[in-house]
PDB file of all heavy atoms in Angstrom:
ATOM      1  N   GLY A   1      45.695 -55.243  31.348  1.00  0.00           N
ATOM      2  CA  GLY A   1      47.050 -55.195  32.057  1.00  0.00           C
ATOM      3  C   GLY A   1      47.755 -53.903  32.011  1.00  0.00           C
ATOM      4  O   GLY A   1      47.137 -52.839  32.189  1.00  0.00           O
ATOM      5  N   THR A   2      48.983 -53.964  31.744  1.00  0.00           N
ATOM      6  CA  THR A   2      49.822 -52.716  31.665  1.00  0.00           C
ATOM      7  C   THR A   2      49.708 -52.073  30.299  1.00  0.00           C
ATOM      8  O   THR A   2      50.135 -50.911  30.096  1.00  0.00           O
ATOM      9  CB  THR A   2      51.226 -52.959  31.982  1.00  0.00           C
ATOM     10  OG1 THR A   2      51.831 -53.988  31.106  1.00  0.00           O
ATOM     11  CG2 THR A   2      51.461 -53.493  33.368  1.00  0.00           C
ATOM     12  N   GLU A   3      49.173 -52.847  29.281  1.00  0.00           N
ATOM     13  CA  GLU A   3      49.050 -52.289  27.956  1.00  0.00           C
ATOM     14  C   GLU A   3      47.546 -52.168  27.530  1.00  0.00           C
ATOM     15  O   GLU A   3      46.730 -52.764  28.197  1.00  0.00           O
ATOM     16  CB  GLU A   3      49.801 -53.142  26.933  1.00  0.00           C
ATOM     17  CG  GLU A   3      51.329 -53.050  27.031  1.00  0.00           C
ATOM     18  CD  GLU A   3      51.987 -53.775  25.938  1.00  0.00           C
ATOM     19  OE1 GLU A   3      51.567 -54.921  25.590  1.00  0.00           O
ATOM     20  OE2 GLU A   3      52.994 -53.311  25.472  1.00  0.00           O
ATOM     21  N   ALA A   4      47.360 -51.441  26.455  1.00  0.00           N
ATOM     22  CA  ALA A   4      46.000 -51.412  25.896  1.00  0.00           C
ATOM     23  C   ALA A   4      45.921 -52.405  24.703  1.00  0.00           C
ATOM     24  O   ALA A   4      46.890 -52.634  24.038  1.00  0.00           O
ATOM     25  CB  ALA A   4      45.633 -50.047  25.479  1.00  0.00           C
ATOM     26  N   ARG A   5      44.758 -52.991  24.461  1.00  0.00           N
ATOM     27  CA  ARG A   5      44.518 -53.738  23.406  1.00  0.00           C
ATOM     28  C   ARG A   5      43.825 -53.012  22.278  1.00  0.00           C
ATOM     29  O   ARG A   5      42.720 -52.402  22.500  1.00  0.00           O
ATOM     30  CB  ARG A   5      43.710 -55.017  23.651  1.00  0.00           C
ATOM     31  CG  ARG A   5      43.541 -56.024  22.560  1.00  0.00           C
ATOM     32  CD  ARG A   5      43.020 -57.380  23.076  1.00  0.00           C
ATOM     33  NE  ARG A   5      41.742 -57.228  23.752  1.00  0.00           N
ATOM     34  CZ  ARG A   5      40.566 -57.261  23.123  1.00  0.00           C
ATOM     35  NH1 ARG A   5      40.543 -57.503  21.771  1.00  0.00           N
ATOM     36  NH2 ARG A   5      39.462 -57.225  23.790  1.00  0.00           N
ATOM     37  N   ILE A   6      44.426 -52.961  21.112  1.00  0.00           N
ATOM     38  CA  ILE A   6      43.759 -52.265  19.935  1.00  0.00           C
ATOM     39  C   ILE A   6      42.745 -53.076  19.356  1.00  0.00           C
ATOM     40  O   ILE A   6      42.936 -54.229  18.910  1.00  0.00           O
ATOM     41  CB  ILE A   6      44.833 -51.859  18.905  1.00  0.00           C
ATOM     42  CG1 ILE A   6      45.952 -50.969  19.507  1.00  0.00           C
ATOM     43  CG2 ILE A   6      44.220 -51.172  17.736  1.00  0.00           C
ATOM     44  CD1 ILE A   6      47.134 -50.746  18.594  1.00  0.00           C
ATOM     45  N   ARG A   7      41.454 -52.599  19.412  1.00  0.00           N
ATOM     46  CA  ARG A   7      40.329 -53.304  18.896  1.00  0.00           C
ATOM     47  C   ARG A   7      39.875 -52.839  17.492  1.00  0.00           C
ATOM     48  O   ARG A   7      39.182 -53.702  16.757  1.00  0.00           O
ATOM     49  CB  ARG A   7      39.116 -53.307  19.910  1.00  0.00           C
ATOM     50  CG  ARG A   7      39.491 -53.927  21.189  1.00  0.00           C
ATOM     51  CD  ARG A   7      38.260 -54.262  22.075  1.00  0.00           C
ATOM     52  NE  ARG A   7      37.473 -53.051  22.302  1.00  0.00           N
ATOM     53  CZ  ARG A   7      36.490 -53.047  23.212  1.00  0.00           C
ATOM     54  NH1 ARG A   7      36.247 -54.202  23.937  1.00  0.00           N
ATOM     55  NH2 ARG A   7      35.762 -52.012  23.494  1.00  0.00           N
ATOM     56  N   MET A   8      40.129 -51.700  17.157  1.00  0.00           N
ATOM     57  CA  MET A   8      39.836 -51.186  15.824  1.00  0.00           C
ATOM     58  C   MET A   8      40.800 -50.062  15.427  1.00  0.00           C
ATOM     59  O   MET A   8      41.115 -49.153  16.206  1.00  0.00           O
ATOM     60  CB  MET A   8      38.382 -50.599  15.898  1.00  0.00           C
ATOM     61  CG  MET A   8      37.861 -50.162  14.449  1.00  0.00           C
ATOM     62  SD  MET A   8      36.218 -49.549  14.538  1.00  0.00           S
ATOM     63  CE  MET A   8      35.295 -50.942  15.077  1.00  0.00           C
ATOM     64  N   ALA A   9      41.323 -50.195  14.237  1.00  0.00           N
ATOM     65  CA  ALA A   9      42.347 -49.182  13.766  1.00  0.00           C
ATOM     66  C   ALA A   9      42.422 -49.232  12.285  1.00  0.00           C
ATOM     67  O   ALA A   9      41.900 -50.151  11.600  1.00  0.00           O
ATOM     68  CB  ALA A   9      43.698 -49.518  14.417  1.00  0.00           C
ATOM     69  N   ALA A  10      43.111 -48.273  11.718  1.00  0.00           N
ATOM     70  CA  ALA A  10      43.309 -48.188  10.254  1.00  0.00           C
ATOM     71  C   ALA A  10      44.721 -47.739  10.011  1.00  0.00           C
ATOM     72  O   ALA A  10      45.273 -46.932  10.790  1.00  0.00           O
ATOM     73  CB  ALA A  10      42.331 -47.206   9.646  1.00  0.00           C
ATOM     74  N   PRO A  11      45.343 -48.151   8.895  1.00  0.00           N
ATOM     75  CA  PRO A  11      46.687 -47.694   8.546  1.00  0.00           C
ATOM     76  C   PRO A  11      46.694 -46.210   8.312  1.00  0.00           C
ATOM     77  O   PRO A  11      45.693 -45.597   7.951  1.00  0.00           O
ATOM     78  CB  PRO A  11      47.016 -48.425   7.215  1.00  0.00           C
ATOM     79  CG  PRO A  11      46.126 -49.598   7.145  1.00  0.00           C
ATOM     80  CD  PRO A  11      44.846 -49.131   7.900  1.00  0.00           C
ATOM     81  N   LEU A  12      47.822 -45.542   8.709  1.00  0.00           N
ATOM     82  CA  LEU A  12      47.969 -44.077   8.547  1.00  0.00           C
ATOM     83  C   LEU A  12      49.165 -43.692   7.847  1.00  0.00           C
ATOM     84  O   LEU A  12      50.300 -44.269   8.130  1.00  0.00           O
ATOM     85  CB  LEU A  12      47.902 -43.487  10.023  1.00  0.00           C
ATOM     86  CG  LEU A  12      48.012 -41.976  10.157  1.00  0.00           C
ATOM     87  CD1 LEU A  12      46.758 -41.284   9.520  1.00  0.00           C
ATOM     88  CD2 LEU A  12      48.180 -41.518  11.565  1.00  0.00           C
ATOM     89  N   SER A  13      49.070 -42.788   6.934  1.00  0.00           N
ATOM     90  CA  SER A  13      50.261 -42.293   6.237  1.00  0.00           C
ATOM     91  C   SER A  13      50.900 -41.140   6.953  1.00  0.00           C
ATOM     92  O   SER A  13      50.249 -40.294   7.574  1.00  0.00           O
ATOM     93  CB  SER A  13      49.782 -41.747   4.818  1.00  0.00           C
ATOM     94  OG  SER A  13      50.689 -41.055   4.244  1.00  0.00           O
ATOM     95  N   ARG A  14      52.277 -41.248   7.020  1.00  0.00           N
ATOM     96  CA  ARG A  14      52.984 -40.176   7.694  1.00  0.00           C
ATOM     97  C   ARG A  14      52.769 -38.851   6.992  1.00  0.00           C
ATOM     98  O   ARG A  14      52.745 -37.769   7.701  1.00  0.00           O
ATOM     99  CB  ARG A  14      54.524 -40.515   7.817  1.00  0.00           C
ATOM    100  CG  ARG A  14      55.134 -39.696   8.861  1.00  0.00           C
ATOM    101  CD  ARG A  14      56.584 -40.141   9.049  1.00  0.00           C
ATOM    102  NE  ARG A  14      57.496 -39.471   8.128  1.00  0.00           N
ATOM    103  CZ  ARG A  14      58.854 -39.730   7.959  1.00  0.00           C
ATOM    104  NH1 ARG A  14      59.324 -40.741   8.685  1.00  0.00           N
ATOM    105  NH2 ARG A  14      59.514 -39.067   7.180  1.00  0.00           N
ATOM    106  N   ALA A  15      52.608 -38.869   5.674  1.00  0.00           N
ATOM    107  CA  ALA A  15      52.394 -37.652   4.926  1.00  0.00           C
ATOM    108  C   ALA A  15      51.113 -36.980   5.385  1.00  0.00           C
ATOM    109  O   ALA A  15      50.975 -35.775   5.633  1.00  0.00           O
ATOM    110  CB  ALA A  15      52.341 -37.934   3.401  1.00  0.00           C
ATOM    111  N   VAL A  16      50.087 -37.785   5.645  1.00  0.00           N
ATOM    112  CA  VAL A  16      48.775 -37.240   6.148  1.00  0.00           C
ATOM    113  C   VAL A  16      48.959 -36.691   7.570  1.00  0.00           C
ATOM    114  O   VAL A  16      48.457 -35.564   7.916  1.00  0.00           O
ATOM    115  CB  VAL A  16      47.718 -38.351   6.096  1.00  0.00           C
ATOM    116  CG1 VAL A  16      46.390 -37.830   6.840  1.00  0.00           C
ATOM    117  CG2 VAL A  16      47.374 -38.714   4.739  1.00  0.00           C
ATOM    118  N   LEU A  17      49.791 -37.319   8.315  1.00  0.00           N
ATOM    119  CA  LEU A  17      50.000 -36.892   9.687  1.00  0.00           C
ATOM    120  C   LEU A  17      50.718 -35.586   9.764  1.00  0.00           C
ATOM    121  O   LEU A  17      50.409 -34.644  10.489  1.00  0.00           O
ATOM    122  CB  LEU A  17      50.827 -37.933  10.415  1.00  0.00           C
ATOM    123  CG  LEU A  17      50.770 -37.931  11.995  1.00  0.00           C
ATOM    124  CD1 LEU A  17      49.359 -38.037  12.567  1.00  0.00           C
ATOM    125  CD2 LEU A  17      51.583 -39.081  12.555  1.00  0.00           C
ATOM    126  N   GLU A  18      51.770 -35.503   8.862  1.00  0.00           N
ATOM    127  CA  GLU A  18      52.548 -34.260   8.789  1.00  0.00           C
ATOM    128  C   GLU A  18      51.637 -33.065   8.222  1.00  0.00           C
ATOM    129  O   GLU A  18      51.830 -31.882   8.693  1.00  0.00           O
ATOM    130  CB  GLU A  18      53.734 -34.446   7.848  1.00  0.00           C
ATOM    131  CG  GLU A  18      54.876 -35.279   8.488  1.00  0.00           C
ATOM    132  CD  GLU A  18      56.032 -35.391   7.564  1.00  0.00           C
ATOM    133  OE1 GLU A  18      55.959 -35.917   6.438  1.00  0.00           O
ATOM    134  OE2 GLU A  18      57.199 -34.940   7.962  1.00  0.00           O
ATOM    135  N   GLU A  19      50.724 -33.366   7.424  1.00  0.00           N
ATOM    136  CA  GLU A  19      49.861 -32.323   6.839  1.00  0.00           C
ATOM    137  C   GLU A  19      48.845 -31.811   7.889  1.00  0.00           C
ATOM    138  O   GLU A  19      48.619 -30.623   8.012  1.00  0.00           O
ATOM    139  CB  GLU A  19      49.058 -32.864   5.632  1.00  0.00           C
ATOM    140  CG  GLU A  19      48.154 -31.883   4.990  1.00  0.00           C
ATOM    141  CD  GLU A  19      47.440 -32.432   3.815  1.00  0.00           C
ATOM    142  OE1 GLU A  19      47.800 -33.548   3.294  1.00  0.00           O
ATOM    143  OE2 GLU A  19      46.417 -31.799   3.351  1.00  0.00           O
ATOM    144  N   ARG A  20      48.373 -32.710   8.730  1.00  0.00           N
ATOM    145  CA  ARG A  20      47.364 -32.364   9.695  1.00  0.00           C
ATOM    146  C   ARG A  20      47.923 -31.742  10.956  1.00  0.00           C
ATOM    147  O   ARG A  20      47.385 -30.876  11.608  1.00  0.00           O
ATOM    148  CB  ARG A  20      46.522 -33.588  10.095  1.00  0.00           C
ATOM    149  CG  ARG A  20      45.670 -34.182   8.938  1.00  0.00           C
ATOM    150  CD  ARG A  20      44.567 -33.221   8.579  1.00  0.00           C
ATOM    151  NE  ARG A  20      43.646 -33.004   9.726  1.00  0.00           N
ATOM    152  CZ  ARG A  20      42.642 -33.780  10.035  1.00  0.00           C
ATOM    153  NH1 ARG A  20      42.421 -34.830   9.304  1.00  0.00           N
ATOM    154  NH2 ARG A  20      41.895 -33.463  11.068  1.00  0.00           N
ATOM    155  N   PHE A  21      49.094 -32.298  11.395  1.00  0.00           N
ATOM    156  CA  PHE A  21      49.712 -31.882  12.725  1.00  0.00           C
ATOM    157  C   PHE A  21      51.186 -31.504  12.608  1.00  0.00           C
ATOM    158  O   PHE A  21      52.098 -32.081  13.244  1.00  0.00           O
ATOM    159  CB  PHE A  21      49.576 -33.011  13.763  1.00  0.00           C
ATOM    160  CG  PHE A  21      48.227 -33.471  13.980  1.00  0.00           C
ATOM    161  CD1 PHE A  21      47.808 -34.675  13.440  1.00  0.00           C
ATOM    162  CD2 PHE A  21      47.262 -32.731  14.717  1.00  0.00           C
ATOM    163  CE1 PHE A  21      46.506 -35.096  13.685  1.00  0.00           C
ATOM    164  CE2 PHE A  21      46.024 -33.164  14.886  1.00  0.00           C
ATOM    165  CZ  PHE A  21      45.547 -34.414  14.357  1.00  0.00           C
ATOM    166  N   PRO A  22      51.495 -30.592  11.683  1.00  0.00           N
ATOM    167  CA  PRO A  22      52.914 -30.198  11.403  1.00  0.00           C
ATOM    168  C   PRO A  22      53.639 -29.722  12.683  1.00  0.00           C
ATOM    169  O   PRO A  22      54.916 -29.961  12.872  1.00  0.00           O
ATOM    170  CB  PRO A  22      52.895 -29.162  10.338  1.00  0.00           C
ATOM    171  CG  PRO A  22      51.551 -28.510  10.523  1.00  0.00           C
ATOM    172  CD  PRO A  22      50.634 -29.665  10.879  1.00  0.00           C
ATOM    173  N   GLU A  23      52.946 -29.031  13.601  1.00  0.00           N
ATOM    174  CA  GLU A  23      53.506 -28.458  14.765  1.00  0.00           C
ATOM    175  C   GLU A  23      53.972 -29.471  15.757  1.00  0.00           C
ATOM    176  O   GLU A  23      54.811 -29.214  16.712  1.00  0.00           O
ATOM    177  CB  GLU A  23      52.547 -27.553  15.477  1.00  0.00           C
ATOM    178  CG  GLU A  23      51.407 -28.166  16.174  1.00  0.00           C
ATOM    179  CD  GLU A  23      50.279 -28.633  15.266  1.00  0.00           C
ATOM    180  OE1 GLU A  23      50.378 -28.408  14.044  1.00  0.00           O
ATOM    181  OE2 GLU A  23      49.374 -29.306  15.844  1.00  0.00           O
ATOM    182  N   ARG A  24      53.578 -30.711  15.668  1.00  0.00           N
ATOM    183  CA  ARG A  24      53.917 -31.772  16.586  1.00  0.00           C
ATOM    184  C   ARG A  24      55.106 -32.603  16.158  1.00  0.00           C
ATOM    185  O   ARG A  24      55.631 -33.510  16.907  1.00  0.00           O
ATOM    186  CB  ARG A  24      52.701 -32.735  16.866  1.00  0.00           C
ATOM    187  CG  ARG A  24      51.537 -31.936  17.547  1.00  0.00           C
ATOM    188  CD  ARG A  24      50.492 -33.007  18.146  1.00  0.00           C
ATOM    189  NE  ARG A  24      51.122 -33.858  19.141  1.00  0.00           N
ATOM    190  CZ  ARG A  24      50.479 -34.815  19.700  1.00  0.00           C
ATOM    191  NH1 ARG A  24      49.234 -35.071  19.418  1.00  0.00           N
ATOM    192  NH2 ARG A  24      51.049 -35.612  20.668  1.00  0.00           N
ATOM    193  N   PHE A  25      55.597 -32.323  14.934  1.00  0.00           N
ATOM    194  CA  PHE A  25      56.812 -33.007  14.493  1.00  0.00           C
ATOM    195  C   PHE A  25      58.073 -32.284  14.910  1.00  0.00           C
ATOM    196  O   PHE A  25      58.185 -31.084  14.782  1.00  0.00           O
ATOM    197  CB  PHE A  25      56.804 -33.119  12.965  1.00  0.00           C
ATOM    198  CG  PHE A  25      55.928 -34.257  12.467  1.00  0.00           C
ATOM    199  CD1 PHE A  25      54.540 -34.098  12.359  1.00  0.00           C
ATOM    200  CD2 PHE A  25      56.491 -35.455  12.084  1.00  0.00           C
ATOM    201  CE1 PHE A  25      53.795 -35.097  11.895  1.00  0.00           C
ATOM    202  CE2 PHE A  25      55.718 -36.489  11.700  1.00  0.00           C
ATOM    203  CZ  PHE A  25      54.312 -36.275  11.502  1.00  0.00           C
ATOM    204  N   VAL A  26      59.020 -33.010  15.519  1.00  0.00           N
ATOM    205  CA  VAL A  26      60.281 -32.351  15.974  1.00  0.00           C
ATOM    206  C   VAL A  26      61.460 -33.213  15.466  1.00  0.00           C
ATOM    207  O   VAL A  26      61.513 -34.482  15.589  1.00  0.00           O
ATOM    208  CB  VAL A  26      60.252 -32.404  17.543  1.00  0.00           C
ATOM    209  CG1 VAL A  26      61.640 -31.792  17.954  1.00  0.00           C
ATOM    210  CG2 VAL A  26      59.137 -31.597  18.120  1.00  0.00           C
ATOM    211  N   ARG A  27      62.394 -32.454  14.797  1.00  0.00           N
ATOM    212  CA  ARG A  27      63.603 -33.102  14.445  1.00  0.00           C
ATOM    213  C   ARG A  27      64.735 -32.764  15.446  1.00  0.00           C
ATOM    214  O   ARG A  27      64.914 -31.581  15.775  1.00  0.00           O
ATOM    215  CB  ARG A  27      63.988 -32.699  12.992  1.00  0.00           C
ATOM    216  CG  ARG A  27      63.021 -33.148  11.921  1.00  0.00           C
ATOM    217  CD  ARG A  27      63.499 -32.864  10.518  1.00  0.00           C
ATOM    218  NE  ARG A  27      62.546 -33.305   9.543  1.00  0.00           N
ATOM    219  CZ  ARG A  27      62.506 -34.496   9.012  1.00  0.00           C
ATOM    220  NH1 ARG A  27      63.401 -35.446   9.414  1.00  0.00           N
ATOM    221  NH2 ARG A  27      61.574 -34.808   8.141  1.00  0.00           N
ATOM    222  N   GLU A  28      65.470 -33.752  15.899  1.00  0.00           N
ATOM    223  CA  GLU A  28      66.502 -33.417  16.928  1.00  0.00           C
ATOM    224  C   GLU A  28      67.705 -34.314  16.720  1.00  0.00           C
ATOM    225  O   GLU A  28      67.593 -35.362  16.107  1.00  0.00           O
ATOM    226  CB  GLU A  28      65.904 -33.666  18.266  1.00  0.00           C
ATOM    227  CG  GLU A  28      65.458 -35.091  18.535  1.00  0.00           C
ATOM    228  CD  GLU A  28      64.782 -35.266  19.931  1.00  0.00           C
ATOM    229  OE1 GLU A  28      64.455 -34.230  20.563  1.00  0.00           O
ATOM    230  OE2 GLU A  28      64.628 -36.424  20.346  1.00  0.00           O
ATOM    231  N   GLU A  29      68.795 -33.757  17.112  1.00  0.00           N
ATOM    232  CA  GLU A  29      70.056 -34.517  17.208  1.00  0.00           C
ATOM    233  C   GLU A  29      70.553 -34.622  18.597  1.00  0.00           C
ATOM    234  O   GLU A  29      70.446 -33.606  19.340  1.00  0.00           O
ATOM    235  CB  GLU A  29      71.147 -33.916  16.286  1.00  0.00           C
ATOM    236  CG  GLU A  29      70.788 -34.011  14.799  1.00  0.00           C
ATOM    237  CD  GLU A  29      71.925 -33.544  13.888  1.00  0.00           C
ATOM    238  OE1 GLU A  29      73.029 -33.160  14.516  1.00  0.00           O
ATOM    239  OE2 GLU A  29      71.769 -33.539  12.720  1.00  0.00           O
ATOM    240  N   GLY A  30      71.075 -35.700  18.975  1.00  0.00           N
ATOM    241  CA  GLY A  30      71.586 -35.866  20.370  1.00  0.00           C
ATOM    242  C   GLY A  30      72.165 -37.196  20.573  1.00  0.00           C
ATOM    243  O   GLY A  30      72.501 -37.893  19.644  1.00  0.00           O
ATOM    244  N   ALA A  31      72.234 -37.616  21.835  1.00  0.00           N
ATOM    245  CA  ALA A  31      72.775 -38.871  22.238  1.00  0.00           C
ATOM    246  C   ALA A  31      71.861 -39.565  23.147  1.00  0.00           C
ATOM    247  O   ALA A  31      71.219 -38.934  23.988  1.00  0.00           O
ATOM    248  CB  ALA A  31      74.164 -38.734  22.900  1.00  0.00           C
ATOM    249  N   SER A  32      71.689 -40.925  22.962  1.00  0.00           N
ATOM    250  CA  SER A  32      70.819 -41.684  23.841  1.00  0.00           C
ATOM    251  C   SER A  32      71.446 -43.032  24.089  1.00  0.00           C
ATOM    252  O   SER A  32      72.264 -43.492  23.357  1.00  0.00           O
ATOM    253  CB  SER A  32      69.436 -41.820  23.218  1.00  0.00           C
ATOM    254  OG  SER A  32      69.530 -42.500  21.969  1.00  0.00           O
ATOM    255  N   PHE A  33      71.082 -43.572  25.270  1.00  0.00           N
ATOM    256  CA  PHE A  33      71.641 -44.860  25.724  1.00  0.00           C
ATOM    257  C   PHE A  33      70.928 -46.047  25.012  1.00  0.00           C
ATOM    258  O   PHE A  33      69.628 -46.076  24.946  1.00  0.00           O
ATOM    259  CB  PHE A  33      71.484 -44.981  27.165  1.00  0.00           C
ATOM    260  CG  PHE A  33      72.086 -46.356  27.707  1.00  0.00           C
ATOM    261  CD1 PHE A  33      73.432 -46.476  27.724  1.00  0.00           C
ATOM    262  CD2 PHE A  33      71.215 -47.353  28.139  1.00  0.00           C
ATOM    263  CE1 PHE A  33      73.999 -47.679  28.280  1.00  0.00           C
ATOM    264  CE2 PHE A  33      71.760 -48.424  28.587  1.00  0.00           C
ATOM    265  CZ  PHE A  33      73.149 -48.651  28.673  1.00  0.00           C
ATOM    266  N   ASP A  34      71.683 -46.969  24.358  1.00  0.00           N
ATOM    267  CA  ASP A  34      71.172 -48.100  23.783  1.00  0.00           C
ATOM    268  C   ASP A  34      71.456 -49.346  24.690  1.00  0.00           C
ATOM    269  O   ASP A  34      72.539 -49.689  24.881  1.00  0.00           O
ATOM    270  CB  ASP A  34      71.891 -48.341  22.446  1.00  0.00           C
ATOM    271  CG  ASP A  34      71.207 -49.491  21.686  1.00  0.00           C
ATOM    272  OD1 ASP A  34      71.133 -50.559  22.250  1.00  0.00           O
ATOM    273  OD2 ASP A  34      70.783 -49.284  20.509  1.00  0.00           O
TER     274      ASP A  34
END
């Protein structure tokens, strides 16, 4: 349908993600509609 079904995955630590892809992390401040 409009979504994908995850058939195989593993838990991921954010620390590992930050270590492997630091350039893709962005900290921002702003306003958004809720």
